[in-house]
Amino acid sequence: MDLSVIIPSRNEEFLNRTVDEVLTKSRGETECIVILDGAWPAVGLEHHERLNVIFHSKSVGQRAAINEGARVSQAKYIMKLDAHCTLDEG
């Protein structure tokens, strides 16, 4: 992988849209790592080979979630993204 996009999330309304945009608009070998911090999303995430979902039943906090995403990443670069973002091509 070239890039891991780490998305910490807790009750985020637009998580599905953000993950979809990361997976469809990214270029190169990009994976998306979502850390669900204490809650499952209202609408489940669709399975994708470049999506890694980590669930914590009790909240660990945003910083710990980001650090965990960085630890599981196998990419050369990492990027943190909020769960309510929209992206452009590439």
N, C-alpha and C. Protein backbone atom coordinates (compact mmCIF):
# COMPACT_ATOMS: atom_id res chain seq x y z
N MET A 1 0.83 -1.19 0.00
CA MET A 1 0.00 0.00 0.00
C MET A 1 0.87 1.25 0.00
N ASP A 2 0.38 2.26 -0.73
CA ASP A 2 1.05 3.55 -0.74
C ASP A 2 0.54 4.44 0.40
N LEU A 3 -0.79 4.42 0.64
CA LEU A 3 -1.41 5.34 1.59
C LEU A 3 -2.49 4.63 2.39
N SER A 4 -2.49 4.87 3.70
CA SER A 4 -3.59 4.45 4.58
C SER A 4 -4.31 5.71 5.04
N VAL A 5 -5.61 5.77 4.79
CA VAL A 5 -6.44 6.87 5.26
C VAL A 5 -7.14 6.39 6.53
N ILE A 6 -6.80 7.01 7.65
CA ILE A 6 -7.33 6.61 8.95
C ILE A 6 -8.49 7.52 9.31
N ILE A 7 -9.65 6.89 9.59
CA ILE A 7 -10.85 7.66 9.93
C ILE A 7 -11.38 7.20 11.28
N PRO A 8 -11.12 7.99 12.34
CA PRO A 8 -11.74 7.67 13.63
C PRO A 8 -13.20 8.12 13.59
N SER A 9 -14.09 7.32 14.17
CA SER A 9 -15.51 7.64 14.04
C SER A 9 -16.29 7.24 15.28
N ARG A 10 -17.19 8.11 15.67
CA ARG A 10 -18.15 7.80 16.73
C ARG A 10 -19.45 8.51 16.40
N ASN A 11 -20.44 7.72 16.01
CA ASN A 11 -21.77 8.25 15.66
C ASN A 11 -21.71 9.31 14.57
N GLU A 12 -20.95 9.05 13.54
CA GLU A 12 -20.80 10.01 12.43
C GLU A 12 -21.85 9.75 11.36
N GLU A 13 -22.64 10.75 11.06
CA GLU A 13 -23.73 10.65 10.10
C GLU A 13 -23.25 10.37 8.67
N PHE A 14 -22.09 10.94 8.29
CA PHE A 14 -21.64 10.86 6.90
C PHE A 14 -20.48 9.89 6.70
N LEU A 15 -20.27 8.97 7.64
CA LEU A 15 -19.15 8.04 7.55
C LEU A 15 -19.19 7.22 6.26
N ASN A 16 -20.34 6.67 5.90
CA ASN A 16 -20.44 5.86 4.69
C ASN A 16 -20.04 6.63 3.45
N ARG A 17 -20.48 7.86 3.34
CA ARG A 17 -20.16 8.68 2.17
C ARG A 17 -18.66 8.98 2.12
N THR A 18 -18.08 9.29 3.26
CA THR A 18 -16.65 9.59 3.31
C THR A 18 -15.82 8.36 2.92
N VAL A 19 -16.16 7.20 3.47
CA VAL A 19 -15.43 5.97 3.13
C VAL A 19 -15.58 5.67 1.65
N ASP A 20 -16.78 5.80 1.12
CA ASP A 20 -17.01 5.55 -0.31
C ASP A 20 -16.16 6.47 -1.17
N GLU A 21 -16.05 7.73 -0.79
CA GLU A 21 -15.24 8.67 -1.58
C GLU A 21 -13.76 8.34 -1.50
N VAL A 22 -13.28 7.92 -0.33
CA VAL A 22 -11.88 7.51 -0.22
C VAL A 22 -11.61 6.34 -1.16
N LEU A 23 -12.49 5.36 -1.17
CA LEU A 23 -12.26 4.15 -1.95
C LEU A 23 -12.46 4.34 -3.45
N THR A 24 -13.34 5.25 -3.85
CA THR A 24 -13.61 5.43 -5.28
C THR A 24 -12.80 6.54 -5.93
N LYS A 25 -12.39 7.55 -5.15
CA LYS A 25 -11.71 8.69 -5.74
C LYS A 25 -10.19 8.69 -5.55
N SER A 26 -9.69 7.77 -4.74
CA SER A 26 -8.25 7.74 -4.49
C SER A 26 -7.52 7.12 -5.68
N ARG A 27 -6.25 7.41 -5.76
CA ARG A 27 -5.40 6.86 -6.81
C ARG A 27 -4.28 6.08 -6.15
N GLY A 28 -3.67 5.18 -6.88
CA GLY A 28 -2.60 4.37 -6.31
C GLY A 28 -3.17 3.33 -5.37
N GLU A 29 -2.30 2.72 -4.62
CA GLU A 29 -2.69 1.69 -3.66
C GLU A 29 -3.08 2.36 -2.35
N THR A 30 -4.38 2.63 -2.17
CA THR A 30 -4.88 3.32 -0.99
C THR A 30 -5.86 2.44 -0.24
N GLU A 31 -5.65 2.34 1.06
CA GLU A 31 -6.59 1.61 1.91
C GLU A 31 -7.26 2.59 2.86
N CYS A 32 -8.40 2.19 3.39
CA CYS A 32 -9.15 3.00 4.34
C CYS A 32 -9.26 2.21 5.64
N ILE A 33 -8.80 2.80 6.73
CA ILE A 33 -8.89 2.17 8.05
C ILE A 33 -9.86 2.99 8.89
N VAL A 34 -10.99 2.38 9.25
CA VAL A 34 -12.01 3.05 10.06
C VAL A 34 -11.97 2.47 11.47
N ILE A 35 -11.86 3.34 12.46
CA ILE A 35 -11.92 2.91 13.84
C ILE A 35 -13.25 3.38 14.41
N LEU A 36 -14.13 2.42 14.71
CA LEU A 36 -15.43 2.73 15.29
C LEU A 36 -15.25 2.79 16.80
N ASP A 37 -15.34 3.98 17.35
CA ASP A 37 -15.00 4.24 18.73
C ASP A 37 -16.22 4.21 19.64
N GLY A 38 -16.63 3.02 20.05
CA GLY A 38 -17.72 2.89 21.02
C GLY A 38 -19.10 2.74 20.43
N ALA A 39 -19.26 2.79 19.13
CA ALA A 39 -20.59 2.67 18.53
C ALA A 39 -20.50 2.23 17.07
N TRP A 40 -21.41 1.35 16.68
CA TRP A 40 -21.54 0.98 15.27
C TRP A 40 -22.29 2.09 14.56
N PRO A 41 -22.00 2.31 13.27
CA PRO A 41 -22.75 3.34 12.54
C PRO A 41 -24.20 2.91 12.34
N ALA A 42 -25.10 3.88 12.22
CA ALA A 42 -26.52 3.59 12.01
C ALA A 42 -26.72 2.76 10.75
N VAL A 43 -25.97 3.08 9.70
CA VAL A 43 -26.00 2.32 8.45
C VAL A 43 -24.64 1.65 8.33
N GLY A 44 -24.64 0.33 8.23
CA GLY A 44 -23.39 -0.42 8.19
C GLY A 44 -22.53 -0.08 6.98
N LEU A 45 -21.24 -0.30 7.12
CA LEU A 45 -20.29 -0.08 6.03
C LEU A 45 -20.30 -1.28 5.10
N GLU A 46 -20.24 -1.01 3.81
CA GLU A 46 -20.20 -2.09 2.82
C GLU A 46 -18.82 -2.72 2.80
N HIS A 47 -18.76 -4.02 2.57
CA HIS A 47 -17.49 -4.74 2.50
C HIS A 47 -16.70 -4.26 1.28
N HIS A 48 -15.42 -4.04 1.47
CA HIS A 48 -14.52 -3.67 0.38
C HIS A 48 -13.15 -4.22 0.71
N GLU A 49 -12.43 -4.72 -0.28
CA GLU A 49 -11.13 -5.34 -0.03
C GLU A 49 -10.09 -4.35 0.50
N ARG A 50 -10.28 -3.07 0.28
CA ARG A 50 -9.34 -2.05 0.78
C ARG A 50 -9.86 -1.33 2.01
N LEU A 51 -10.89 -1.89 2.66
CA LEU A 51 -11.46 -1.30 3.87
C LEU A 51 -11.16 -2.20 5.07
N ASN A 52 -10.58 -1.61 6.10
CA ASN A 52 -10.28 -2.30 7.34
C ASN A 52 -11.06 -1.59 8.44
N VAL A 53 -11.96 -2.32 9.12
CA VAL A 53 -12.79 -1.74 10.17
C VAL A 53 -12.38 -2.33 11.52
N ILE A 54 -12.11 -1.45 12.48
CA ILE A 54 -11.76 -1.84 13.84
C ILE A 54 -12.85 -1.29 14.75
N PHE A 55 -13.41 -2.15 15.61
CA PHE A 55 -14.49 -1.74 16.51
C PHE A 55 -14.06 -1.83 17.96
N HIS A 56 -14.35 -0.79 18.72
CA HIS A 56 -14.16 -0.78 20.17
C HIS A 56 -15.52 -0.64 20.82
N SER A 57 -15.89 -1.57 21.68
CA SER A 57 -17.19 -1.50 22.35
C SER A 57 -17.24 -0.35 23.36
N LYS A 58 -16.08 -0.01 23.94
CA LYS A 58 -15.98 1.15 24.82
C LYS A 58 -15.08 2.17 24.15
N SER A 59 -15.45 3.43 24.26
CA SER A 59 -14.69 4.49 23.61
C SER A 59 -13.26 4.56 24.14
N VAL A 60 -12.31 4.69 23.20
CA VAL A 60 -10.90 4.84 23.56
C VAL A 60 -10.42 6.26 23.31
N GLY A 61 -11.23 7.06 22.63
CA GLY A 61 -10.86 8.44 22.32
C GLY A 61 -10.23 8.57 20.95
N GLN A 62 -10.29 9.79 20.42
CA GLN A 62 -9.82 10.03 19.06
C GLN A 62 -8.33 9.77 18.90
N ARG A 63 -7.51 10.27 19.81
CA ARG A 63 -6.06 10.11 19.68
C ARG A 63 -5.66 8.63 19.70
N ALA A 64 -6.22 7.86 20.63
CA ALA A 64 -5.90 6.43 20.71
C ALA A 64 -6.38 5.70 19.45
N ALA A 65 -7.54 6.10 18.92
CA ALA A 65 -8.06 5.48 17.70
C ALA A 65 -7.13 5.76 16.51
N ILE A 66 -6.66 6.99 16.39
CA ILE A 66 -5.74 7.34 15.30
C ILE A 66 -4.43 6.55 15.44
N ASN A 67 -3.91 6.48 16.65
CA ASN A 67 -2.67 5.73 16.88
C ASN A 67 -2.83 4.25 16.54
N GLU A 68 -3.98 3.68 16.86
CA GLU A 68 -4.22 2.28 16.51
C GLU A 68 -4.27 2.09 15.00
N GLY A 69 -4.92 3.00 14.31
CA GLY A 69 -4.95 2.93 12.85
C GLY A 69 -3.55 3.00 12.26
N ALA A 70 -2.71 3.86 12.82
CA ALA A 70 -1.32 3.97 12.35
C ALA A 70 -0.55 2.67 12.60
N ARG A 71 -0.82 2.02 13.73
CA ARG A 71 -0.12 0.76 14.04
C ARG A 71 -0.50 -0.37 13.07
N VAL A 72 -1.76 -0.44 12.66
CA VAL A 72 -2.17 -1.53 11.78
C VAL A 72 -1.89 -1.24 10.30
N SER A 73 -1.58 -0.01 9.99
CA SER A 73 -1.29 0.37 8.61
C SER A 73 -0.04 -0.34 8.10
N GLN A 74 -0.09 -0.77 6.86
CA GLN A 74 1.06 -1.36 6.18
C GLN A 74 1.57 -0.45 5.07
N ALA A 75 1.05 0.77 5.01
CA ALA A 75 1.35 1.69 3.91
C ALA A 75 2.61 2.51 4.20
N LYS A 76 3.14 3.08 3.14
CA LYS A 76 4.30 3.95 3.24
C LYS A 76 3.92 5.27 3.92
N TYR A 77 2.73 5.78 3.63
CA TYR A 77 2.24 7.03 4.19
C TYR A 77 0.91 6.81 4.89
N ILE A 78 0.64 7.65 5.89
CA ILE A 78 -0.67 7.63 6.55
C ILE A 78 -1.27 9.03 6.52
N MET A 79 -2.59 9.06 6.55
CA MET A 79 -3.32 10.32 6.53
C MET A 79 -4.53 10.17 7.45
N LYS A 80 -4.79 11.14 8.28
CA LYS A 80 -5.98 11.14 9.13
C LYS A 80 -7.04 11.98 8.44
N LEU A 81 -8.27 11.46 8.43
CA LEU A 81 -9.37 12.17 7.79
C LEU A 81 -10.58 12.12 8.70
N ASP A 82 -11.29 13.24 8.84
CA ASP A 82 -12.54 13.25 9.60
C ASP A 82 -13.59 12.43 8.86
N ALA A 83 -14.59 11.97 9.59
CA ALA A 83 -15.62 11.09 9.03
C ALA A 83 -16.73 11.85 8.31
N HIS A 84 -16.58 13.14 8.13
CA HIS A 84 -17.62 13.93 7.47
C HIS A 84 -17.03 14.80 6.36
N CYS A 85 -16.10 14.21 5.60
CA CYS A 85 -15.41 14.96 4.55
C CYS A 85 -15.82 14.50 3.16
N THR A 86 -15.66 15.37 2.21
CA THR A 86 -15.84 15.02 0.81
C THR A 86 -14.50 15.21 0.10
N LEU A 87 -14.25 14.43 -0.93
CA LEU A 87 -12.95 14.43 -1.59
C LEU A 87 -13.09 14.67 -3.07
N ASP A 88 -12.01 15.14 -3.68
CA ASP A 88 -11.94 15.33 -5.11
C ASP A 88 -11.21 14.13 -5.72
N GLU A 89 -11.29 13.96 -7.02
CA GLU A 89 -10.59 12.87 -7.70
C GLU A 89 -9.09 12.94 -7.43
N GLY A 90 -8.52 11.79 -7.15
CA GLY A 90 -7.06 11.70 -6.99
C GLY A 90 -6.61 12.16 -5.64
